[in-house]
Amino acid sequence: MRVRNVAFFCCISIFGNVSTLFAADPAPQRLTFDSRHMGTTFRIVLFSADAQKAETAAQAAFTRVRELDQILSDYHPTSELMRFCTANDSAPGKPQRISAELMQVLTEAQELARKSDGAFDVTIGPLSRMWRLIRRTQQLPKPEELRTAQAKVGWRNLVLDPTAKTAALKLSGMRLDLGGIAKGYAADAALQVLARHGFIRTLVAASGDIRVGDPPPGQDGWTVEIAPLGQGMPARFVKLKNAAVSTSGDLVQSVEIDGVRYSHVLDPKTGLGLTGFRSVTVIAPTATQSDGYSTAASLLPPQKALTLVESIPGAQLYMVVKANATAQPIITQSKNFPN
């Protein structure tokens, strides 16, 4: 996705019979800040006449994202998430106290797992690690390796107790992967930080997840482009305010093995990457929702994906599926999805 530039204007006021030109406040400028976190580039766009104030706010937002990365990442061995997982190995099923942020993300994830009948599953960590190796070696796992990894996956084996502020994993060797929801959560958090610094006409982009606040000056929304599924398909644009949009798909991250194209999106039920081509865009009130639900919808048949997404008030789906590179695209979308 990319954000289109926005034009802005400043007016001069004239009072009474005497045309007195007052020194107008500096016009707000469109400012952009980039910083790498969670394996991608986070981009903040805001409008301000004070570049230093904007810089301070953006850096505070990036600091918050960095803090969340240290909580939610499965790439950092010292993150709270990974400390929780490794501590479980020696005492499977023992409840451990976790932070409010980790509890919130896991609670959202488990609710989505329940609603999607396990299509969304953050306990997929053992399979994720296996597929990272597969993408490098371009060799499928042996059947016994796949069965071993799958045996450690299952969302019902993650037990949360919000009252006691604890979480537990029932099996030794379980690993959590929040890649399908953490960036959206971080984008929401970054927008909140910007608002506390006085900036509400803002956009936060984290790869395929975008969270926006109030519209740019003089506009009725932020115009966001949705990447088309393959060459020859027209670009699609949506206009948003105080909402989020996420696109999940396999246009970039995939691997071909023995003539079969496998997506980086893994099916917990098979342990394998999805085949074929698909792109799923979800508009929702928050990026936590749009991120998680676009991932879950990628793993469901189109009509089930539509029902799942529309269970969120105000959420909408745009889904494109192709059986292979030359097949005609099948498009499924909410009735009110923006044109």
C-alpha atoms as a PDB file:
ATOM      1  CA  MET A   1       0.000   0.000   0.000  1.00  0.00           C
ATOM      2  CA  ARG A   2       1.067   3.594  -0.470  1.00  0.00           C
ATOM      3  CA  VAL A   3      -0.351   6.892   0.657  1.00  0.00           C
ATOM      4  CA  ARG A   4      -1.071   9.575  -1.895  1.00  0.00           C
ATOM      5  CA  ASN A   5       0.122  13.117  -1.358  1.00  0.00           C
ATOM      6  CA  VAL A   6      -2.455  15.554  -0.058  1.00  0.00           C
ATOM      7  CA  ALA A   7      -2.773  19.213  -1.110  1.00  0.00           C
ATOM      8  CA  PHE A   8      -3.458  21.906   1.439  1.00  0.00           C
ATOM      9  CA  PHE A   9      -4.302  25.615   1.370  1.00  0.00           C
ATOM     10  CA  CYS A  10      -4.162  28.568   3.723  1.00  0.00           C
ATOM     11  CA  CYS A  11      -6.686  31.442   3.743  1.00  0.00           C
ATOM     12  CA  ILE A  12      -6.100  35.143   4.496  1.00  0.00           C
ATOM     13  CA  SER A  13      -8.818  37.041   6.405  1.00  0.00           C
ATOM     14  CA  ILE A  14      -9.781  40.683   5.793  1.00  0.00           C
ATOM     15  CA  PHE A  15     -11.818  42.555   8.417  1.00  0.00           C
ATOM     16  CA  GLY A  16     -13.998  45.732   8.138  1.00  0.00           C
ATOM     17  CA  ASN A  17     -13.403  48.489   5.636  1.00  0.00           C
ATOM     18  CA  VAL A  18      -9.687  48.485   6.251  1.00  0.00           C
ATOM     19  CA  SER A  19      -7.899  45.594   4.606  1.00  0.00           C
ATOM     20  CA  THR A  20      -5.388  44.662   7.238  1.00  0.00           C
ATOM     21  CA  LEU A  21      -3.187  41.729   6.463  1.00  0.00           C
ATOM     22  CA  PHE A  22      -2.505  39.810   9.608  1.00  0.00           C
ATOM     23  CA  ALA A  23       0.474  37.534   9.982  1.00  0.00           C
ATOM     24  CA  ALA A  24      -1.133  34.144   9.461  1.00  0.00           C
ATOM     25  CA  ASP A  25      -0.021  31.120  11.378  1.00  0.00           C
ATOM     26  CA  PRO A  26       2.343  28.959   9.353  1.00  0.00           C
ATOM     27  CA  ALA A  27       0.476  26.500   7.182  1.00  0.00           C
ATOM     28  CA  PRO A  28       0.676  22.891   8.368  1.00  0.00           C
ATOM     29  CA  GLN A  29       3.109  20.852   6.348  1.00  0.00           C
ATOM     30  CA  ARG A  30       2.814  17.190   5.434  1.00  0.00           C
ATOM     31  CA  LEU A  31       5.678  15.481   7.270  1.00  0.00           C
ATOM     32  CA  THR A  32       6.797  11.872   6.965  1.00  0.00           C
ATOM     33  CA  PHE A  33       8.947   9.852   9.367  1.00  0.00           C
ATOM     34  CA  ASP A  34      10.277   6.313   8.840  1.00  0.00           C
ATOM     35  CA  SER A  35      11.799   3.822  11.261  1.00  0.00           C
ATOM     36  CA  ARG A  36      12.380   0.059  11.078  1.00  0.00           C
ATOM     37  CA  HIS A  37      10.700  -2.151  13.659  1.00  0.00           C
ATOM     38  CA  MET A  38       9.182  -5.643  13.733  1.00  0.00           C
ATOM     39  CA  GLY A  39      11.009  -6.623  10.562  1.00  0.00           C
ATOM     40  CA  THR A  40       9.462  -3.847   8.463  1.00  0.00           C
ATOM     41  CA  THR A  41       9.440  -0.073   8.026  1.00  0.00           C
ATOM     42  CA  PHE A  42       6.932   1.865  10.101  1.00  0.00           C
ATOM     43  CA  ARG A  43       5.912   5.136   8.462  1.00  0.00           C
ATOM     44  CA  ILE A  44       4.217   8.033  10.202  1.00  0.00           C
ATOM     45  CA  VAL A  45       2.544  10.823   8.229  1.00  0.00           C
ATOM     46  CA  LEU A  46       1.204  13.887  10.013  1.00  0.00           C
ATOM     47  CA  PHE A  47       0.501  17.564   9.463  1.00  0.00           C
ATOM     48  CA  SER A  48       2.212  20.246  11.511  1.00  0.00           C
ATOM     49  CA  ALA A  49       3.533  23.795  11.249  1.00  0.00           C
ATOM     50  CA  ASP A  50       6.133  22.900  13.889  1.00  0.00           C
ATOM     51  CA  ALA A  51       8.632  20.408  12.514  1.00  0.00           C
ATOM     52  CA  GLN A  52      10.391  19.965  15.854  1.00  0.00           C
ATOM     53  CA  LYS A  53       7.143  19.189  17.677  1.00  0.00           C
ATOM     54  CA  ALA A  54       6.227  16.715  14.946  1.00  0.00           C
ATOM     55  CA  GLU A  55       9.642  15.050  15.192  1.00  0.00           C
ATOM     56  CA  THR A  56       9.258  14.677  18.958  1.00  0.00           C
ATOM     57  CA  ALA A  57       5.825  13.086  18.571  1.00  0.00           C
ATOM     58  CA  ALA A  58       6.960  10.705  15.832  1.00  0.00           C
ATOM     59  CA  GLN A  59       9.983   9.564  17.837  1.00  0.00           C
ATOM     60  CA  ALA A  60       7.768   8.959  20.866  1.00  0.00           C
ATOM     61  CA  ALA A  61       5.501   6.806  18.699  1.00  0.00           C
ATOM     62  CA  PHE A  62       8.470   4.848  17.342  1.00  0.00           C
ATOM     63  CA  THR A  63       9.728   4.344  20.896  1.00  0.00           C
ATOM     64  CA  ARG A  64       6.371   2.808  21.785  1.00  0.00           C
ATOM     65  CA  VAL A  65       6.571   0.484  18.771  1.00  0.00           C
ATOM     66  CA  ARG A  66      10.081  -0.545  19.821  1.00  0.00           C
ATOM     67  CA  GLU A  67       8.812  -1.324  23.322  1.00  0.00           C
ATOM     68  CA  LEU A  68       6.037  -3.488  21.888  1.00  0.00           C
ATOM     69  CA  ASP A  69       8.542  -5.284  19.660  1.00  0.00           C
ATOM     70  CA  GLN A  70      10.424  -6.315  22.793  1.00  0.00           C
ATOM     71  CA  ILE A  71       7.176  -7.697  24.196  1.00  0.00           C
ATOM     72  CA  LEU A  72       5.546  -9.341  21.164  1.00  0.00           C
ATOM     73  CA  SER A  73       8.344 -10.475  18.849  1.00  0.00           C
ATOM     74  CA  ASP A  74       9.140 -14.142  18.236  1.00  0.00           C
ATOM     75  CA  TYR A  75      12.409 -13.135  16.542  1.00  0.00           C
ATOM     76  CA  HIS A  76      13.995 -11.688  19.688  1.00  0.00           C
ATOM     77  CA  PRO A  77      14.991 -14.492  22.096  1.00  0.00           C
ATOM     78  CA  THR A  78      14.792 -12.075  25.021  1.00  0.00           C
ATOM     79  CA  SER A  79      11.321 -10.702  24.218  1.00  0.00           C
ATOM     80  CA  GLU A  80       8.592 -11.231  26.794  1.00  0.00           C
ATOM     81  CA  LEU A  81       6.800 -13.556  24.376  1.00  0.00           C
ATOM     82  CA  MET A  82       9.824 -15.819  23.948  1.00  0.00           C
ATOM     83  CA  ARG A  83      10.676 -15.803  27.659  1.00  0.00           C
ATOM     84  CA  PHE A  84       7.124 -16.929  28.320  1.00  0.00           C
ATOM     85  CA  CYS A  85       7.410 -19.757  25.777  1.00  0.00           C
ATOM     86  CA  THR A  86      10.808 -21.051  26.884  1.00  0.00           C
ATOM     87  CA  ALA A  87       9.885 -20.925  30.577  1.00  0.00           C
ATOM     88  CA  ASN A  88       6.948 -23.185  29.768  1.00  0.00           C
ATOM     89  CA  ASP A  89       9.247 -25.930  28.474  1.00  0.00           C
ATOM     90  CA  SER A  90      10.400 -26.832  31.978  1.00  0.00           C
ATOM     91  CA  ALA A  91       6.940 -26.522  33.550  1.00  0.00           C
ATOM     92  CA  PRO A  92       4.224 -27.129  30.923  1.00  0.00           C
ATOM     93  CA  GLY A  93       0.840 -25.777  31.901  1.00  0.00           C
ATOM     94  CA  LYS A  94       2.092 -23.641  34.783  1.00  0.00           C
ATOM     95  CA  PRO A  95       0.444 -20.173  34.693  1.00  0.00           C
ATOM     96  CA  GLN A  96       2.843 -17.266  34.273  1.00  0.00           C
ATOM     97  CA  ARG A  97       2.153 -13.585  34.834  1.00  0.00           C
ATOM     98  CA  ILE A  98       2.297 -11.558  31.643  1.00  0.00           C
ATOM     99  CA  SER A  99       2.133  -7.858  30.809  1.00  0.00           C
ATOM    100  CA  ALA A 100      -1.095  -6.029  30.034  1.00  0.00           C
ATOM    101  CA  GLU A 101       0.001  -5.590  26.400  1.00  0.00           C
ATOM    102  CA  LEU A 102       0.723  -9.275  25.860  1.00  0.00           C
ATOM    103  CA  MET A 103      -2.535 -10.228  27.565  1.00  0.00           C
ATOM    104  CA  GLN A 104      -4.511  -7.872  25.341  1.00  0.00           C
ATOM    105  CA  VAL A 105      -2.990  -9.217  22.129  1.00  0.00           C
ATOM    106  CA  LEU A 106      -3.392 -12.849  23.190  1.00  0.00           C
ATOM    107  CA  THR A 107      -6.986 -12.230  24.242  1.00  0.00           C
ATOM    108  CA  GLU A 108      -7.805 -10.717  20.847  1.00  0.00           C
ATOM    109  CA  ALA A 109      -6.006 -13.594  19.132  1.00  0.00           C
ATOM    110  CA  GLN A 110      -7.875 -16.277  21.058  1.00  0.00           C
ATOM    111  CA  GLU A 111     -11.224 -14.650  20.349  1.00  0.00           C
ATOM    112  CA  LEU A 112     -10.365 -14.610  16.647  1.00  0.00           C
ATOM    113  CA  ALA A 113      -9.215 -18.248  16.821  1.00  0.00           C
ATOM    114  CA  ARG A 114     -12.576 -19.189  18.312  1.00  0.00           C
ATOM    115  CA  LYS A 115     -14.573 -17.241  15.738  1.00  0.00           C
ATOM    116  CA  SER A 116     -12.532 -18.614  12.812  1.00  0.00           C
ATOM    117  CA  ASP A 117     -12.586 -22.220  14.101  1.00  0.00           C
ATOM    118  CA  GLY A 118      -8.812 -22.204  14.461  1.00  0.00           C
ATOM    119  CA  ALA A 119      -7.959 -20.699  11.077  1.00  0.00           C
ATOM    120  CA  PHE A 120      -6.182 -17.961  13.037  1.00  0.00           C
ATOM    121  CA  ASP A 121      -3.836 -19.592  15.537  1.00  0.00           C
ATOM    122  CA  VAL A 122      -0.937 -17.859  17.286  1.00  0.00           C
ATOM    123  CA  THR A 123       0.388 -21.218  18.568  1.00  0.00           C
ATOM    124  CA  ILE A 124       1.592 -21.857  15.012  1.00  0.00           C
ATOM    125  CA  GLY A 125       5.149 -20.950  16.033  1.00  0.00           C
ATOM    126  CA  PRO A 126       6.710 -24.428  15.496  1.00  0.00           C
ATOM    127  CA  LEU A 127       5.353 -24.461  11.933  1.00  0.00           C
ATOM    128  CA  SER A 128       6.463 -20.868  11.290  1.00  0.00           C
ATOM    129  CA  ARG A 129      10.013 -21.711  12.279  1.00  0.00           C
ATOM    130  CA  MET A 130       9.986 -24.782  10.062  1.00  0.00           C
ATOM    131  CA  TRP A 131       8.728 -22.790   7.062  1.00  0.00           C
ATOM    132  CA  ARG A 132      11.364 -20.108   7.477  1.00  0.00           C
ATOM    133  CA  LEU A 133      13.916 -22.862   6.926  1.00  0.00           C
ATOM    134  CA  ILE A 134      11.905 -24.314   4.038  1.00  0.00           C
ATOM    135  CA  ARG A 135      11.904 -20.977   2.234  1.00  0.00           C
ATOM    136  CA  ARG A 136      15.699 -20.866   2.481  1.00  0.00           C
ATOM    137  CA  THR A 137      16.336 -24.490   1.494  1.00  0.00           C
ATOM    138  CA  GLN A 138      13.325 -24.860  -0.857  1.00  0.00           C
ATOM    139  CA  GLN A 139      12.741 -28.364   0.457  1.00  0.00           C
ATOM    140  CA  LEU A 140       9.528 -29.622   2.020  1.00  0.00           C
ATOM    141  CA  PRO A 141       9.764 -31.172   5.489  1.00  0.00           C
ATOM    142  CA  LYS A 142       9.689 -34.901   5.940  1.00  0.00           C
ATOM    143  CA  PRO A 143       6.277 -36.226   7.058  1.00  0.00           C
ATOM    144  CA  GLU A 144       7.539 -37.049  10.542  1.00  0.00           C
ATOM    145  CA  GLU A 145       9.010 -33.548  10.916  1.00  0.00           C
ATOM    146  CA  LEU A 146       5.689 -32.030   9.933  1.00  0.00           C
ATOM    147  CA  ARG A 147       3.790 -34.243  12.390  1.00  0.00           C
ATOM    148  CA  THR A 148       6.178 -33.332  15.209  1.00  0.00           C
ATOM    149  CA  ALA A 149       5.692 -29.611  14.605  1.00  0.00           C
ATOM    150  CA  GLN A 150       1.920 -29.933  14.240  1.00  0.00           C
ATOM    151  CA  ALA A 151       1.657 -31.819  17.530  1.00  0.00           C
ATOM    152  CA  LYS A 152       2.789 -28.645  19.321  1.00  0.00           C
ATOM    153  CA  VAL A 153       0.171 -26.449  17.627  1.00  0.00           C
ATOM    154  CA  GLY A 154      -3.355 -25.836  18.853  1.00  0.00           C
ATOM    155  CA  TRP A 155      -5.009 -22.647  20.057  1.00  0.00           C
ATOM    156  CA  ARG A 156      -6.950 -24.479  22.774  1.00  0.00           C
ATOM    157  CA  ASN A 157      -3.606 -25.317  24.407  1.00  0.00           C
ATOM    158  CA  LEU A 158      -3.127 -21.638  25.231  1.00  0.00           C
ATOM    159  CA  VAL A 159      -4.986 -20.766  28.451  1.00  0.00           C
ATOM    160  CA  LEU A 160      -5.506 -17.170  29.567  1.00  0.00           C
ATOM    161  CA  ASP A 161      -6.674 -15.860  32.920  1.00  0.00           C
ATOM    162  CA  PRO A 162      -7.233 -12.084  32.566  1.00  0.00           C
ATOM    163  CA  THR A 163      -8.267 -11.778  36.219  1.00  0.00           C
ATOM    164  CA  ALA A 164      -5.045 -13.319  37.518  1.00  0.00           C
ATOM    165  CA  LYS A 165      -3.106 -11.753  34.599  1.00  0.00           C
ATOM    166  CA  THR A 166      -1.586 -15.113  33.711  1.00  0.00           C
ATOM    167  CA  ALA A 167      -1.164 -17.309  30.654  1.00  0.00           C
ATOM    168  CA  ALA A 168      -0.192 -20.952  30.288  1.00  0.00           C
ATOM    169  CA  LEU A 169       0.791 -23.317  27.486  1.00  0.00           C
ATOM    170  CA  LYS A 170      -0.280 -26.909  28.016  1.00  0.00           C
ATOM    171  CA  LEU A 171       2.532 -28.576  26.042  1.00  0.00           C
ATOM    172  CA  SER A 172       6.297 -28.376  26.224  1.00  0.00           C
ATOM    173  CA  GLY A 173       7.885 -27.020  23.069  1.00  0.00           C
ATOM    174  CA  MET A 174       4.977 -24.760  22.120  1.00  0.00           C
ATOM    175  CA  ARG A 175       5.922 -21.448  20.499  1.00  0.00           C
ATOM    176  CA  LEU A 176       3.729 -18.437  19.793  1.00  0.00           C
ATOM    177  CA  ASP A 177       3.886 -16.362  16.607  1.00  0.00           C
ATOM    178  CA  LEU A 178       2.054 -13.023  16.710  1.00  0.00           C
ATOM    179  CA  GLY A 179       3.071 -12.016  13.190  1.00  0.00           C
ATOM    180  CA  GLY A 180      -0.559 -11.928  12.072  1.00  0.00           C
ATOM    181  CA  ILE A 181      -1.682  -9.362  14.643  1.00  0.00           C
ATOM    182  CA  ALA A 182       1.260  -7.631  16.373  1.00  0.00           C
ATOM    183  CA  LYS A 183       2.017  -4.993  13.718  1.00  0.00           C
ATOM    184  CA  GLY A 184      -1.611  -3.904  13.676  1.00  0.00           C
ATOM    185  CA  TYR A 185      -1.589  -3.598  17.463  1.00  0.00           C
ATOM    186  CA  ALA A 186       1.620  -1.552  17.288  1.00  0.00           C
ATOM    187  CA  ALA A 187       0.112   0.756  14.653  1.00  0.00           C
ATOM    188  CA  ASP A 188      -2.872   1.400  16.936  1.00  0.00           C
ATOM    189  CA  ALA A 189      -0.519   2.155  19.834  1.00  0.00           C
ATOM    190  CA  ALA A 190       1.578   4.538  17.724  1.00  0.00           C
ATOM    191  CA  LEU A 191      -1.541   6.473  16.685  1.00  0.00           C
ATOM    192  CA  GLN A 192      -2.526   6.816  20.348  1.00  0.00           C
ATOM    193  CA  VAL A 193       0.889   8.259  21.196  1.00  0.00           C
ATOM    194  CA  LEU A 194       0.601  10.794  18.377  1.00  0.00           C
ATOM    195  CA  ALA A 195      -2.824  11.843  19.658  1.00  0.00           C
ATOM    196  CA  ARG A 196      -1.436  12.389  23.155  1.00  0.00           C
ATOM    197  CA  HIS A 197       1.110  14.746  21.589  1.00  0.00           C
ATOM    198  CA  GLY A 198      -1.683  16.730  19.971  1.00  0.00           C
ATOM    199  CA  PHE A 199      -1.613  15.200  16.477  1.00  0.00           C
ATOM    200  CA  ILE A 200      -4.898  13.732  15.251  1.00  0.00           C
ATOM    201  CA  ARG A 201      -4.525  14.153  11.464  1.00  0.00           C
ATOM    202  CA  THR A 202      -2.204  11.189  11.285  1.00  0.00           C
ATOM    203  CA  LEU A 203      -1.432   7.970   9.466  1.00  0.00           C
ATOM    204  CA  VAL A 204       0.681   5.040  10.659  1.00  0.00           C
ATOM    205  CA  ALA A 205       1.715   2.420   8.112  1.00  0.00           C
ATOM    206  CA  ALA A 206       3.352  -0.876   9.060  1.00  0.00           C
ATOM    207  CA  SER A 207       3.877  -2.773   5.818  1.00  0.00           C
ATOM    208  CA  GLY A 208       0.390  -4.007   4.834  1.00  0.00           C
ATOM    209  CA  ASP A 209      -1.302  -2.534   7.911  1.00  0.00           C
ATOM    210  CA  ILE A 210      -2.427   1.104   7.929  1.00  0.00           C
ATOM    211  CA  ARG A 211      -4.137   3.008  10.735  1.00  0.00           C
ATOM    212  CA  VAL A 212      -5.457   6.528  10.175  1.00  0.00           C
ATOM    213  CA  GLY A 213      -6.888   9.244  12.378  1.00  0.00           C
ATOM    214  CA  ASP A 214      -8.691  12.384  11.252  1.00  0.00           C
ATOM    215  CA  PRO A 215      -8.386  13.302   7.548  1.00  0.00           C
ATOM    216  CA  PRO A 216      -5.662  15.589   6.177  1.00  0.00           C
ATOM    217  CA  PRO A 217      -6.518  19.311   6.051  1.00  0.00           C
ATOM    218  CA  GLY A 218      -9.204  20.053   3.480  1.00  0.00           C
ATOM    219  CA  GLN A 219      -9.838  16.383   2.755  1.00  0.00           C
ATOM    220  CA  ASP A 220     -12.595  13.975   3.717  1.00  0.00           C
ATOM    221  CA  GLY A 221     -10.263  11.018   4.192  1.00  0.00           C
ATOM    222  CA  TRP A 222      -6.886   9.418   3.573  1.00  0.00           C
ATOM    223  CA  THR A 223      -6.642   7.793   0.134  1.00  0.00           C
ATOM    224  CA  VAL A 224      -4.944   4.413   0.328  1.00  0.00           C
ATOM    225  CA  GLU A 225      -4.043   2.155  -2.585  1.00  0.00           C
ATOM    226  CA  ILE A 226      -4.642  -1.580  -2.371  1.00  0.00           C
ATOM    227  CA  ALA A 227      -2.075  -3.590  -4.279  1.00  0.00           C
ATOM    228  CA  PRO A 228      -3.743  -5.575  -7.084  1.00  0.00           C
ATOM    229  CA  LEU A 229      -3.355  -9.351  -7.282  1.00  0.00           C
ATOM    230  CA  GLY A 230      -0.934  -9.794 -10.149  1.00  0.00           C
ATOM    231  CA  GLN A 231      -0.319  -7.912 -13.358  1.00  0.00           C
ATOM    232  CA  GLY A 232      -3.236  -6.740 -15.453  1.00  0.00           C
ATOM    233  CA  MET A 233      -5.559  -6.080 -12.529  1.00  0.00           C
ATOM    234  CA  PRO A 234      -6.422  -2.431 -11.899  1.00  0.00           C
ATOM    235  CA  ALA A 235      -5.342  -0.681  -8.742  1.00  0.00           C
ATOM    236  CA  ARG A 236      -7.989  -0.194  -6.099  1.00  0.00           C
ATOM    237  CA  PHE A 237      -8.285   2.782  -3.764  1.00  0.00           C
ATOM    238  CA  VAL A 238     -10.153   3.311  -0.500  1.00  0.00           C
ATOM    239  CA  LYS A 239     -10.696   6.530   1.430  1.00  0.00           C
ATOM    240  CA  LEU A 240     -10.596   6.244   5.227  1.00  0.00           C
ATOM    241  CA  LYS A 241     -10.754   8.279   8.407  1.00  0.00           C
ATOM    242  CA  ASN A 242     -10.439   7.026  12.002  1.00  0.00           C
ATOM    243  CA  ALA A 243     -10.174   3.452  10.794  1.00  0.00           C
ATOM    244  CA  ALA A 244      -7.673   0.841   9.650  1.00  0.00           C
ATOM    245  CA  VAL A 245      -7.027  -1.231   6.555  1.00  0.00           C
ATOM    246  CA  SER A 246      -4.829  -4.320   6.182  1.00  0.00           C
ATOM    247  CA  THR A 247      -3.967  -6.469   3.205  1.00  0.00           C
ATOM    248  CA  SER A 248      -2.763 -10.036   3.626  1.00  0.00           C
ATOM    249  CA  GLY A 249      -1.550 -11.998   0.660  1.00  0.00           C
ATOM    250  CA  ASP A 250       1.261 -13.854  -1.013  1.00  0.00           C
ATOM    251  CA  LEU A 251       2.320 -11.510  -3.812  1.00  0.00           C
ATOM    252  CA  VAL A 252       5.815 -11.168  -2.370  1.00  0.00           C
ATOM    253  CA  GLN A 253       6.434 -13.932   0.167  1.00  0.00           C
ATOM    254  CA  SER A 254       6.110 -17.370  -1.384  1.00  0.00           C
ATOM    255  CA  VAL A 255       8.238 -20.324  -2.395  1.00  0.00           C
ATOM    256  CA  GLU A 256       7.940 -22.757  -5.293  1.00  0.00           C
ATOM    257  CA  ILE A 257       8.873 -26.391  -4.608  1.00  0.00           C
ATOM    258  CA  ASP A 258       8.502 -29.182  -7.163  1.00  0.00           C
ATOM    259  CA  GLY A 259       6.335 -26.960  -9.319  1.00  0.00           C
ATOM    260  CA  VAL A 260       3.937 -25.996  -6.526  1.00  0.00           C
ATOM    261  CA  ARG A 261       3.749 -22.417  -5.250  1.00  0.00           C
ATOM    262  CA  TYR A 262       3.366 -22.199  -1.469  1.00  0.00           C
ATOM    263  CA  SER A 263       2.389 -19.030   0.357  1.00  0.00           C
ATOM    264  CA  HIS A 264       4.038 -17.794   3.556  1.00  0.00           C
ATOM    265  CA  VAL A 265       0.521 -17.915   5.034  1.00  0.00           C
ATOM    266  CA  LEU A 266       0.356 -21.261   6.852  1.00  0.00           C
ATOM    267  CA  ASP A 267      -2.722 -23.382   7.418  1.00  0.00           C
ATOM    268  CA  PRO A 268      -2.619 -24.717  11.000  1.00  0.00           C
ATOM    269  CA  LYS A 269      -4.763 -27.687   9.969  1.00  0.00           C
ATOM    270  CA  THR A 270      -2.319 -28.949   7.306  1.00  0.00           C
ATOM    271  CA  GLY A 271       0.922 -27.404   8.498  1.00  0.00           C
ATOM    272  CA  LEU A 272       1.606 -26.278   4.916  1.00  0.00           C
ATOM    273  CA  GLY A 273       1.595 -22.950   3.143  1.00  0.00           C
ATOM    274  CA  LEU A 274      -1.496 -22.113   1.101  1.00  0.00           C
ATOM    275  CA  THR A 275      -1.340 -22.821  -2.614  1.00  0.00           C
ATOM    276  CA  GLY A 276      -2.727 -20.656  -5.390  1.00  0.00           C
ATOM    277  CA  PHE A 277      -2.904 -16.872  -5.220  1.00  0.00           C
ATOM    278  CA  ARG A 278      -4.950 -14.709  -2.896  1.00  0.00           C
ATOM    279  CA  SER A 279      -5.146 -11.193  -1.569  1.00  0.00           C
ATOM    280  CA  VAL A 280      -7.408 -10.183   1.305  1.00  0.00           C
ATOM    281  CA  THR A 281      -8.090  -6.594   2.338  1.00  0.00           C
ATOM    282  CA  VAL A 282     -10.027  -5.817   5.509  1.00  0.00           C
ATOM    283  CA  ILE A 283     -11.245  -2.425   6.686  1.00  0.00           C
ATOM    284  CA  ALA A 284     -12.002  -2.295  10.416  1.00  0.00           C
ATOM    285  CA  PRO A 285     -12.188   0.174  13.302  1.00  0.00           C
ATOM    286  CA  THR A 286      -8.683  -0.748  14.546  1.00  0.00           C
ATOM    287  CA  ALA A 287      -5.512  -2.100  12.964  1.00  0.00           C
ATOM    288  CA  THR A 288      -5.419  -4.905  15.522  1.00  0.00           C
ATOM    289  CA  GLN A 289      -8.704  -6.074  14.014  1.00  0.00           C
ATOM    290  CA  SER A 290      -7.857  -5.442  10.366  1.00  0.00           C
ATOM    291  CA  ASP A 291      -4.483  -7.196  10.716  1.00  0.00           C
ATOM    292  CA  GLY A 292      -5.810 -10.272  12.505  1.00  0.00           C
ATOM    293  CA  TYR A 293      -8.995 -10.650  10.479  1.00  0.00           C
ATOM    294  CA  SER A 294      -7.250 -10.249   7.121  1.00  0.00           C
ATOM    295  CA  THR A 295      -4.879 -13.048   8.132  1.00  0.00           C
ATOM    296  CA  ALA A 296      -7.729 -15.292   9.266  1.00  0.00           C
ATOM    297  CA  ALA A 297      -9.790 -14.548   6.146  1.00  0.00           C
ATOM    298  CA  SER A 298      -6.848 -15.621   3.982  1.00  0.00           C
ATOM    299  CA  LEU A 299      -7.247 -19.130   5.375  1.00  0.00           C
ATOM    300  CA  LEU A 300     -11.002 -19.438   4.877  1.00  0.00           C
ATOM    301  CA  PRO A 301     -13.268 -20.051   1.887  1.00  0.00           C
ATOM    302  CA  PRO A 302     -14.530 -16.714   0.533  1.00  0.00           C
ATOM    303  CA  GLN A 303     -18.058 -16.834   1.966  1.00  0.00           C
ATOM    304  CA  LYS A 304     -16.827 -17.887   5.418  1.00  0.00           C
ATOM    305  CA  ALA A 305     -14.234 -15.126   5.250  1.00  0.00           C
ATOM    306  CA  LEU A 306     -16.968 -12.613   4.439  1.00  0.00           C
ATOM    307  CA  THR A 307     -19.110 -13.776   7.354  1.00  0.00           C
ATOM    308  CA  LEU A 308     -16.154 -13.623   9.739  1.00  0.00           C
ATOM    309  CA  VAL A 309     -15.110 -10.098   8.788  1.00  0.00           C
ATOM    310  CA  GLU A 310     -18.634  -8.723   8.806  1.00  0.00           C
ATOM    311  CA  SER A 311     -19.093  -9.989  12.373  1.00  0.00           C
ATOM    312  CA  ILE A 312     -17.203  -6.809  13.361  1.00  0.00           C
ATOM    313  CA  PRO A 313     -19.502  -3.759  13.240  1.00  0.00           C
ATOM    314  CA  GLY A 314     -18.347  -1.545  10.392  1.00  0.00           C
ATOM    315  CA  ALA A 315     -15.765  -4.001   9.024  1.00  0.00           C
ATOM    316  CA  GLN A 316     -15.580  -4.806   5.320  1.00  0.00           C
ATOM    317  CA  LEU A 317     -13.821  -7.363   3.113  1.00  0.00           C
ATOM    318  CA  TYR A 318     -12.324  -7.351  -0.383  1.00  0.00           C
ATOM    319  CA  MET A 319     -10.907 -10.753  -1.361  1.00  0.00           C
ATOM    320  CA  VAL A 320      -9.326 -11.917  -4.621  1.00  0.00           C
ATOM    321  CA  VAL A 321      -8.517 -15.597  -5.211  1.00  0.00           C
ATOM    322  CA  LYS A 322      -6.856 -17.255  -8.200  1.00  0.00           C
ATOM    323  CA  ALA A 323      -6.301 -21.005  -8.438  1.00  0.00           C
ATOM    324  CA  ASN A 324      -3.124 -20.413 -10.455  1.00  0.00           C
ATOM    325  CA  ALA A 325      -1.277 -17.663 -12.283  1.00  0.00           C
ATOM    326  CA  THR A 326      -3.432 -17.873 -15.427  1.00  0.00           C
ATOM    327  CA  ALA A 327      -6.823 -18.485 -13.810  1.00  0.00           C
ATOM    328  CA  GLN A 328      -9.552 -15.859 -13.745  1.00  0.00           C
ATOM    329  CA  PRO A 329      -9.716 -14.045 -10.408  1.00  0.00           C
ATOM    330  CA  ILE A 330     -12.685 -14.719  -8.137  1.00  0.00           C
ATOM    331  CA  ILE A 331     -13.636 -11.582  -6.224  1.00  0.00           C
ATOM    332  CA  THR A 332     -15.650 -11.583  -3.006  1.00  0.00           C
ATOM    333  CA  GLN A 333     -16.449  -8.300  -1.277  1.00  0.00           C
ATOM    334  CA  SER A 334     -18.713  -6.633   1.218  1.00  0.00           C
ATOM    335  CA  LYS A 335     -21.655  -4.773  -0.321  1.00  0.00           C
ATOM    336  CA  ASN A 336     -20.454  -1.417   0.992  1.00  0.00           C
ATOM    337  CA  PHE A 337     -16.752  -1.856   0.335  1.00  0.00           C
ATOM    338  CA  PRO A 338     -15.478   1.545  -0.918  1.00  0.00           C
ATOM    339  CA  ASN A 339     -15.187   1.921  -4.685  1.00  0.00           C
END
